[in-house]
Amino acid sequence: MVPSNILQQVITWNMADLEIFQNLACFVATANTKFKDPQNFPGNLGSSVSYETPPRFVSQEGLVANFQEIQQNARTLTVNNQENISYAGTAQQIVFNNLEEYTTRLGNAAMAELASKVENDVATICEKFPYRFYGNGSTAISSAQQLAQMLANFRAYSTAPGDLKVYLDLQAVPGIVSSMQNQFTVDRNDENSMSWFVGDWDGVNYFQSNLLPIHLAGTLGNAGTTLTVVSTNDPTGNNITQITFSGAGTDGNAVKKYDLMQFLGANAPKFLTYTGHNLSSLPVQVSATDDAASSGGNVTINITPALCATAGSMNQNLSTNIVAGMTVQLLPTHKCGLVVSDNAFYVAMPKLPDTTPFPSASAMDENTMVSVRLYYGVIPFQNVYGWTRDVIYGYDAVPQNLMRIAFPINTGSGLGF
């Protein structure tokens, strides 16, 4: 069925030379595409591909060998997202409204919208995967000193050599650039094709986006409530994945999935370095894996990563066990940026098959690098001529290689901000 197209009934039709609106789309364009075509891997069946993250060990004193178990760590990248934009016209509309010659204009607008939808979805990596964070979600991040501290915190945990990328809120960039003067400026040679690239400083590539996800925090985070540990699901401290807190009141929206929290105080447990298991000065931070309601003052929160205080374990990641009386706070609602090392987020975007007998082709959006299938056809005896652009894709990221940047929602001042 042909939709009710809004077409102009005029004698002449003059197009204004206006460009299609674009977004600053850097995530798909800079993602690791090593697994972009999982269907082409030898022996791979299905829509998922598994990949390994580096194994871990723990060193032991002395020269007497105590053989440790080998633990292969695997993650899965699944192509489980589909998106399309389709439109149609009648033979009369093609003839009298010049739709055939207008195809490029329609196609460019459709491509920009479809690519932006994919980019916006992939950008949720910033919210879904990190458990560490920098910023409190209320104070602006607008100086070189803050960026330097952010990178120091990121690297203090252990970081892989190689590429380090930072994805900034577009509205925070002016203040940062101003504080850094000429050290941190837009790359003029690539300004047209890579408008999302900001610069390179301290060995890090910086990108800007207007599509960063906004994390809508639970009531406790927005209220700045301090919670007190009551108990955990593993008093031994070997594998803590759930913590019960007091001080939460009664609220159905107390905690939201992906809320981030940090242990407070001078005696708060500290992270160990991911490699080497050495004590760091970084307070333990975790992410909520599910929504949680509070009742009678208590709230039970499922967390990631699993916390382990068992000395000698390859999974030990904190200095001391989580016990009653320790306190935490959660971040309020904020915009989510990202720090990532070693190209540790992946995007898969397999090429869809041809649509014989309908003409089809694959096209790539130059701004976002999103590749889609385009096909055209007519429904016999229906007077319906249709165009479709569609894409399938998936994404994944390695949490220990990431850190969320918590930008405040209100980054400007004055009317309208």
Protein backbone atom coordinates (compact mmCIF):
# COMPACT_ATOMS: atom_id res chain seq x y z
CA MET A 1 0.00 0.00 0.00
CA VAL A 2 1.33 3.41 -0.95
CA PRO A 3 1.51 5.83 2.01
CA SER A 4 -0.15 9.24 1.84
CA ASN A 5 2.83 11.07 0.35
CA ILE A 6 2.93 14.85 0.76
CA LEU A 7 3.92 15.89 -2.75
CA GLN A 8 3.86 19.34 -4.26
CA GLN A 9 1.33 19.99 -7.02
CA VAL A 10 3.01 22.85 -8.86
CA ILE A 11 4.01 23.66 -12.43
CA THR A 12 7.70 24.10 -11.63
CA TRP A 13 9.76 22.64 -8.78
CA ASN A 14 13.00 24.32 -7.74
CA MET A 15 15.17 22.69 -5.10
CA ALA A 16 17.03 24.86 -2.61
CA ASP A 17 20.70 23.92 -2.27
CA LEU A 18 20.24 22.94 1.37
CA GLU A 19 22.32 20.13 2.82
CA ILE A 20 20.80 17.23 4.72
CA PHE A 21 21.19 17.68 8.48
CA GLN A 22 23.96 15.45 9.85
CA ASN A 23 24.97 14.30 13.31
CA LEU A 24 28.49 14.09 14.68
CA ALA A 25 28.78 10.35 14.30
CA CYS A 26 32.10 8.94 15.45
CA PHE A 27 31.34 5.60 17.09
CA VAL A 28 30.72 3.35 14.09
CA ALA A 29 33.44 5.14 12.13
CA THR A 30 36.08 4.49 14.82
CA ALA A 31 34.91 1.09 16.10
CA ASN A 32 37.00 -2.06 15.83
CA THR A 33 35.55 -3.90 12.81
CA LYS A 34 37.65 -7.04 13.13
CA PHE A 35 34.45 -9.07 13.50
CA LYS A 36 32.27 -7.06 11.14
CA ASP A 37 31.49 -10.12 8.98
CA PRO A 38 31.13 -13.04 11.42
CA GLN A 39 29.42 -15.16 8.77
CA ASN A 40 32.72 -15.31 6.86
CA PHE A 41 34.74 -16.90 9.68
CA PRO A 42 35.56 -20.55 8.92
CA GLY A 43 33.12 -22.87 10.63
CA ASN A 44 31.04 -20.06 12.17
CA LEU A 45 27.30 -20.68 12.13
CA GLY A 46 24.61 -18.43 13.51
CA SER A 47 24.50 -14.72 14.22
CA SER A 48 27.09 -14.70 17.05
CA VAL A 49 30.86 -14.89 17.16
CA SER A 50 32.92 -15.49 20.30
CA TYR A 51 36.22 -13.79 20.95
CA GLU A 52 38.68 -14.08 23.81
CA THR A 53 39.96 -11.49 26.20
CA PRO A 54 43.47 -11.93 27.67
CA PRO A 55 43.80 -14.63 30.36
CA ARG A 56 44.79 -13.71 33.91
CA PHE A 57 47.18 -15.21 36.43
CA VAL A 58 48.42 -14.30 39.89
CA SER A 59 52.08 -14.50 40.90
CA GLN A 60 53.28 -16.49 43.94
CA GLU A 61 56.26 -16.13 46.25
CA GLY A 62 59.03 -18.72 46.20
CA LEU A 63 60.35 -21.20 43.69
CA VAL A 64 57.95 -24.05 44.42
CA ALA A 65 55.42 -24.27 41.60
CA ASN A 66 51.76 -24.26 42.49
CA PHE A 67 49.99 -24.81 39.20
CA GLN A 68 47.06 -22.50 38.60
CA GLU A 69 43.99 -23.24 36.57
CA ILE A 70 43.87 -21.85 33.06
CA GLN A 71 40.77 -19.75 32.61
CA GLN A 72 39.92 -18.74 29.06
CA ASN A 73 37.79 -15.59 29.04
CA ALA A 74 35.30 -15.27 26.21
CA ARG A 75 32.82 -12.65 25.10
CA THR A 76 30.15 -12.87 22.42
CA LEU A 77 29.32 -10.39 19.69
CA THR A 78 25.82 -10.97 18.31
CA VAL A 79 24.26 -9.39 15.23
CA ASN A 80 20.80 -8.90 16.70
CA ASN A 81 19.69 -5.46 15.51
CA GLN A 82 17.80 -4.61 12.34
CA GLU A 83 16.69 -1.27 10.98
CA ASN A 84 15.17 0.00 7.74
CA ILE A 85 13.69 3.01 6.03
CA SER A 86 11.25 2.36 3.21
CA TYR A 87 9.14 4.63 1.03
CA ALA A 88 7.00 4.18 -2.06
CA GLY A 89 5.17 5.96 -4.81
CA THR A 90 2.72 5.26 -7.61
CA ALA A 91 3.44 5.31 -11.31
CA GLN A 92 1.61 8.63 -11.54
CA GLN A 93 3.73 10.15 -8.77
CA ILE A 94 6.91 8.96 -10.43
CA VAL A 95 5.81 10.54 -13.71
CA PHE A 96 4.20 13.76 -12.53
CA ASN A 97 6.21 14.46 -9.36
CA ASN A 98 9.54 13.50 -10.86
CA LEU A 99 10.25 10.97 -8.10
CA GLU A 100 12.63 9.01 -10.28
CA GLU A 101 14.94 11.99 -10.73
CA TYR A 102 14.40 12.92 -7.07
CA THR A 103 15.61 9.50 -5.93
CA THR A 104 19.08 10.74 -4.92
CA ARG A 105 17.64 13.48 -2.74
CA LEU A 106 15.24 11.09 -1.04
CA GLY A 107 17.97 8.50 -0.67
CA ASN A 108 20.41 10.90 0.97
CA ALA A 109 17.82 11.95 3.54
CA ALA A 110 16.88 8.33 4.25
CA MET A 111 20.53 7.31 4.53
CA ALA A 112 21.32 10.11 6.98
CA GLU A 113 18.38 9.14 9.22
CA LEU A 114 19.10 5.40 9.11
CA ALA A 115 22.82 5.84 9.74
CA SER A 116 22.13 8.18 12.66
CA LYS A 117 19.78 5.63 14.22
CA VAL A 118 22.50 2.96 14.05
CA GLU A 119 25.12 5.38 15.40
CA ASN A 120 22.86 6.40 18.26
CA ASP A 121 22.32 2.77 19.22
CA VAL A 122 26.01 1.87 19.03
CA ALA A 123 26.80 4.91 21.22
CA THR A 124 24.92 3.23 24.09
CA ILE A 125 28.16 1.31 24.62
CA CYS A 126 29.05 4.33 26.81
CA GLU A 127 26.18 3.48 29.15
CA LYS A 128 25.90 -0.30 29.00
CA PHE A 129 29.42 -1.66 29.43
CA PRO A 130 31.70 0.45 31.70
CA TYR A 131 31.75 -0.02 35.46
CA ARG A 132 34.42 2.59 36.15
CA PHE A 133 33.71 6.27 35.70
CA TYR A 134 35.13 9.78 35.91
CA GLY A 135 33.08 12.83 36.87
CA ASN A 136 30.18 13.19 39.27
CA GLY A 137 27.46 13.97 36.71
CA SER A 138 26.95 17.45 38.17
CA THR A 139 30.26 19.30 37.79
CA ALA A 140 31.26 20.35 34.27
CA ILE A 141 34.29 18.68 32.69
CA SER A 142 35.88 21.60 30.90
CA SER A 143 39.64 21.76 31.44
CA ALA A 144 42.90 20.13 30.45
CA GLN A 145 43.60 19.34 34.09
CA GLN A 146 40.38 17.35 34.36
CA LEU A 147 41.19 15.42 31.20
CA ALA A 148 44.68 14.69 32.52
CA GLN A 149 43.23 13.43 35.82
CA MET A 150 40.70 11.32 33.95
CA LEU A 151 43.44 9.68 31.90
CA ALA A 152 45.57 9.17 35.02
CA ASN A 153 42.68 7.39 36.74
CA PHE A 154 42.09 5.27 33.66
CA ARG A 155 45.71 4.25 33.31
CA ALA A 156 46.22 3.64 37.04
CA TYR A 157 43.87 0.65 36.83
CA SER A 158 46.04 -0.92 34.07
CA THR A 159 45.64 -0.14 30.41
CA ALA A 160 46.58 -1.93 27.25
CA PRO A 161 49.26 -0.34 25.07
CA GLY A 162 48.17 1.09 21.77
CA ASP A 163 45.24 3.27 20.82
CA LEU A 164 43.47 5.28 23.49
CA LYS A 165 40.30 7.07 22.46
CA VAL A 166 38.08 9.54 24.29
CA TYR A 167 34.53 10.39 23.22
CA LEU A 168 33.43 13.81 24.51
CA ASP A 169 30.12 15.58 24.76
CA LEU A 170 29.94 18.10 21.93
CA GLN A 171 28.74 20.80 24.32
CA ALA A 172 31.73 20.29 26.64
CA VAL A 173 34.30 20.71 23.87
CA PRO A 174 34.32 24.55 23.71
CA GLY A 175 35.36 24.87 27.36
CA ILE A 176 38.02 22.19 26.99
CA VAL A 177 39.43 23.71 23.82
CA SER A 178 39.50 27.14 25.44
CA SER A 179 41.47 25.82 28.42
CA MET A 180 44.00 24.10 26.17
CA GLN A 181 44.37 26.93 23.64
CA ASN A 182 46.38 25.73 20.65
CA GLN A 183 47.26 22.32 22.08
CA PHE A 184 43.88 20.86 21.34
CA THR A 185 42.27 22.05 18.13
CA VAL A 186 40.17 20.71 15.32
CA ASP A 187 42.15 18.97 12.56
CA ARG A 188 41.48 21.38 9.70
CA ASN A 189 42.58 18.96 6.98
CA ASP A 190 39.83 16.54 7.96
CA GLU A 191 37.21 19.06 9.03
CA ASN A 192 34.78 18.21 6.25
CA SER A 193 34.97 14.42 6.30
CA MET A 194 35.68 13.96 10.00
CA SER A 195 33.87 16.78 11.75
CA TRP A 196 33.67 14.62 14.86
CA PHE A 197 37.48 14.51 15.25
CA VAL A 198 38.67 17.10 17.77
CA GLY A 199 42.38 16.50 18.16
CA ASP A 200 45.23 14.47 19.54
CA TRP A 201 46.68 15.28 22.96
CA ASP A 202 48.78 13.24 25.38
CA GLY A 203 48.82 10.37 22.89
CA VAL A 204 45.03 10.16 22.89
CA ASN A 205 42.58 10.68 20.02
CA TYR A 206 39.60 12.83 21.03
CA PHE A 207 36.22 12.74 19.32
CA GLN A 208 33.03 14.71 19.87
CA SER A 209 29.45 13.55 19.52
CA ASN A 210 25.97 15.00 19.83
CA LEU A 211 24.56 11.47 20.14
CA LEU A 212 25.98 10.46 23.50
CA PRO A 213 23.38 8.52 25.49
CA ILE A 214 21.75 10.10 28.53
CA HIS A 215 21.59 7.78 31.51
CA LEU A 216 18.41 8.34 33.50
CA ALA A 217 19.43 7.51 37.05
CA GLY A 218 17.26 6.18 39.82
CA THR A 219 15.85 8.25 42.66
CA LEU A 220 18.76 7.52 45.00
CA GLY A 221 21.36 8.79 42.55
CA ASN A 222 19.43 11.95 41.74
CA ALA A 223 18.91 12.67 45.43
CA GLY A 224 22.59 12.15 46.28
CA THR A 225 21.63 9.64 48.97
CA THR A 226 24.41 7.93 50.88
CA LEU A 227 23.71 4.21 51.25
CA THR A 228 25.18 1.95 53.93
CA VAL A 229 26.12 -1.69 53.33
CA VAL A 230 24.02 -4.18 55.30
CA SER A 231 25.21 -7.44 53.74
CA THR A 232 26.41 -9.15 50.55
CA ASN A 233 25.50 -12.42 48.86
CA ASP A 234 28.97 -13.81 49.67
CA PRO A 235 30.25 -12.96 53.16
CA THR A 236 33.57 -14.66 52.33
CA GLY A 237 34.25 -11.93 49.78
CA ASN A 238 35.18 -14.40 47.06
CA ASN A 239 32.44 -13.58 44.55
CA ILE A 240 30.17 -10.67 45.50
CA THR A 241 27.54 -9.96 42.87
CA GLN A 242 24.81 -8.53 45.08
CA ILE A 243 24.84 -5.99 47.92
CA THR A 244 22.03 -4.96 50.25
CA PHE A 245 22.07 -1.35 51.51
CA SER A 246 20.11 0.61 54.09
CA GLY A 247 19.09 4.27 53.90
CA ALA A 248 17.09 3.83 50.69
CA GLY A 249 13.52 4.55 51.88
CA THR A 250 10.70 3.00 49.85
CA ASP A 251 10.75 3.75 46.14
CA GLY A 252 9.94 1.71 43.04
CA ASN A 253 12.56 3.62 41.04
CA ALA A 254 15.34 3.66 43.61
CA VAL A 255 18.03 2.24 41.31
CA LYS A 256 18.04 1.94 37.52
CA LYS A 257 19.99 -0.48 35.38
CA TYR A 258 23.48 0.88 34.55
CA ASP A 259 23.49 3.21 37.57
CA LEU A 260 27.11 3.65 38.67
CA MET A 261 28.22 3.86 42.30
CA GLN A 262 31.42 4.43 44.26
CA PHE A 263 32.48 3.43 47.76
CA LEU A 264 33.17 6.44 49.97
CA GLY A 265 35.59 7.49 52.68
CA ALA A 266 39.25 7.20 53.53
CA ASN A 267 38.79 3.55 54.50
CA ALA A 268 36.79 2.62 51.39
CA PRO A 269 37.96 -0.52 49.58
CA LYS A 270 40.37 0.23 46.74
CA PHE A 271 40.68 -1.40 43.36
CA LEU A 272 43.69 -3.58 42.67
CA THR A 273 45.36 -3.08 39.31
CA TYR A 274 43.81 -5.39 36.73
CA THR A 275 47.24 -6.79 35.89
CA GLY A 276 49.65 -7.44 38.74
CA HIS A 277 46.96 -7.32 41.46
CA ASN A 278 48.71 -4.36 43.10
CA LEU A 279 46.97 -1.98 45.47
CA SER A 280 45.90 1.26 43.80
CA SER A 281 44.46 4.49 45.18
CA LEU A 282 41.30 4.10 43.07
CA PRO A 283 38.06 3.65 45.06
CA VAL A 284 35.97 0.67 44.02
CA GLN A 285 33.26 1.52 41.48
CA VAL A 286 30.54 -0.81 40.21
CA SER A 287 27.53 -0.78 37.89
CA ALA A 288 23.99 -1.95 38.63
CA THR A 289 22.96 -4.77 36.30
CA ASP A 290 19.21 -4.44 36.96
CA ASP A 291 16.59 -2.01 38.17
CA ALA A 292 16.04 -2.24 41.92
CA ALA A 293 13.19 -1.02 44.11
CA SER A 294 13.70 -0.12 47.76
CA SER A 295 11.39 -1.19 50.57
CA GLY A 296 11.46 -0.47 54.27
CA GLY A 297 14.68 1.50 53.88
CA ASN A 298 16.65 -1.29 52.21
CA VAL A 299 17.59 -1.91 48.59
CA THR A 300 19.37 -4.93 47.09
CA ILE A 301 21.48 -4.16 44.02
CA ASN A 302 22.95 -6.66 41.58
CA ILE A 303 26.37 -5.43 40.47
CA THR A 304 29.16 -5.89 37.97
CA PRO A 305 32.04 -6.62 38.09
CA ALA A 306 31.89 -9.42 40.61
CA LEU A 307 33.98 -8.28 43.58
CA CYS A 308 36.65 -10.61 44.96
CA ALA A 309 38.82 -9.94 48.02
CA THR A 310 40.35 -13.45 48.18
CA ALA A 311 44.13 -13.09 48.30
CA GLY A 312 45.90 -15.27 45.75
CA SER A 313 42.90 -15.47 43.43
CA MET A 314 43.37 -14.38 39.82
CA ASN A 315 39.98 -12.67 40.17
CA GLN A 316 40.93 -10.56 43.20
CA ASN A 317 40.09 -6.97 42.33
CA LEU A 318 39.70 -5.11 45.62
CA SER A 319 41.82 -4.52 48.69
CA THR A 320 39.43 -5.62 51.42
CA ASN A 321 36.14 -7.43 51.75
CA ILE A 322 32.83 -5.54 51.51
CA VAL A 323 31.37 -5.46 55.02
CA ALA A 324 28.49 -3.84 56.87
CA GLY A 325 28.91 -0.13 57.53
CA MET A 326 30.70 0.77 54.29
CA THR A 327 28.99 3.52 52.30
CA VAL A 328 28.37 4.32 48.64
CA GLN A 329 26.81 7.01 46.50
CA LEU A 330 25.30 6.69 43.03
CA LEU A 331 25.66 9.08 40.12
CA PRO A 332 22.70 11.29 39.18
CA THR A 333 21.26 11.50 35.68
CA HIS A 334 24.05 12.41 33.25
CA LYS A 335 25.32 12.25 29.70
CA CYS A 336 27.68 9.34 29.03
CA GLY A 337 31.05 9.84 27.33
CA LEU A 338 33.70 7.15 27.04
CA VAL A 339 37.37 6.34 27.39
CA VAL A 340 38.47 3.14 25.63
CA SER A 341 41.84 1.46 25.20
CA ASP A 342 43.08 -1.09 22.68
CA ASN A 343 40.13 -0.66 20.28
CA ALA A 344 38.06 -2.68 22.73
CA PHE A 345 34.62 -2.03 21.31
CA TYR A 346 33.47 -3.90 18.26
CA VAL A 347 30.82 -3.37 15.62
CA ALA A 348 29.59 -6.07 13.23
CA MET A 349 27.67 -5.03 10.14
CA PRO A 350 27.42 -7.97 7.71
CA LYS A 351 26.51 -7.36 4.09
CA LEU A 352 22.95 -8.42 3.39
CA PRO A 353 22.25 -10.68 0.38
CA ASP A 354 21.06 -9.37 -2.95
CA THR A 355 17.30 -9.15 -3.50
CA THR A 356 16.98 -10.83 -6.89
CA PRO A 357 14.96 -10.15 -9.00
CA PHE A 358 14.84 -6.63 -7.56
CA PRO A 359 17.86 -4.41 -8.25
CA SER A 360 19.98 -4.05 -5.12
CA ALA A 361 23.30 -2.59 -4.02
CA SER A 362 25.24 -1.80 -0.86
CA ALA A 363 26.04 1.80 0.02
CA MET A 364 28.05 3.46 2.78
CA ASP A 365 27.24 6.73 4.48
CA GLU A 366 30.38 8.87 4.29
CA ASN A 367 29.67 10.62 7.58
CA THR A 368 29.01 7.57 9.79
CA MET A 369 30.57 4.71 7.80
CA VAL A 370 27.33 2.77 8.20
CA SER A 371 26.85 0.36 5.29
CA VAL A 372 23.30 -0.49 4.20
CA ARG A 373 21.55 -2.43 1.48
CA LEU A 374 19.43 -0.54 -1.03
CA TYR A 375 16.87 -2.26 -3.20
CA TYR A 376 14.06 -1.16 -5.46
CA GLY A 377 11.05 -2.97 -6.84
CA VAL A 378 7.43 -2.90 -7.87
CA ILE A 379 4.63 -4.94 -6.36
CA PRO A 380 2.93 -6.61 -9.37
CA PHE A 381 -0.61 -5.42 -10.13
CA GLN A 382 -0.52 -3.00 -7.16
CA ASN A 383 0.85 0.22 -8.72
CA VAL A 384 3.35 0.39 -5.83
CA TYR A 385 6.98 1.29 -6.53
CA GLY A 386 9.09 1.00 -3.41
CA TRP A 387 12.59 1.81 -2.20
CA THR A 388 14.11 0.22 0.92
CA ARG A 389 17.34 0.79 2.81
CA ASP A 390 18.10 -1.70 5.56
CA VAL A 391 20.92 -2.85 7.79
CA ILE A 392 21.69 -5.55 10.35
CA TYR A 393 24.34 -4.97 13.00
CA GLY A 394 25.62 -5.83 16.45
CA TYR A 395 28.13 -4.48 18.95
CA ASP A 396 30.04 -5.45 22.07
CA ALA A 397 32.73 -3.98 24.32
CA VAL A 398 35.20 -5.21 26.94
CA PRO A 399 34.28 -3.56 30.28
CA GLN A 400 37.76 -3.53 31.84
CA ASN A 401 39.04 -1.53 28.87
CA LEU A 402 36.42 1.19 29.31
CA MET A 403 35.56 4.08 31.55
CA ARG A 404 32.40 6.19 31.41
CA ILE A 405 32.72 9.97 31.48
CA ALA A 406 29.80 11.48 33.42
CA PHE A 407 28.96 14.82 31.81
CA PRO A 408 26.25 16.95 33.45
CA ILE A 409 23.09 17.33 31.41
CA ASN A 410 23.15 21.11 31.67
CA THR A 411 26.49 22.04 30.12
CA GLY A 412 25.76 25.66 29.26
CA SER A 413 24.27 28.67 31.00
CA GLY A 414 21.61 31.23 30.26
CA LEU A 415 18.27 30.94 28.50
CA GLY A 416 17.71 27.71 26.62
CA PHE A 417 20.41 25.71 28.41
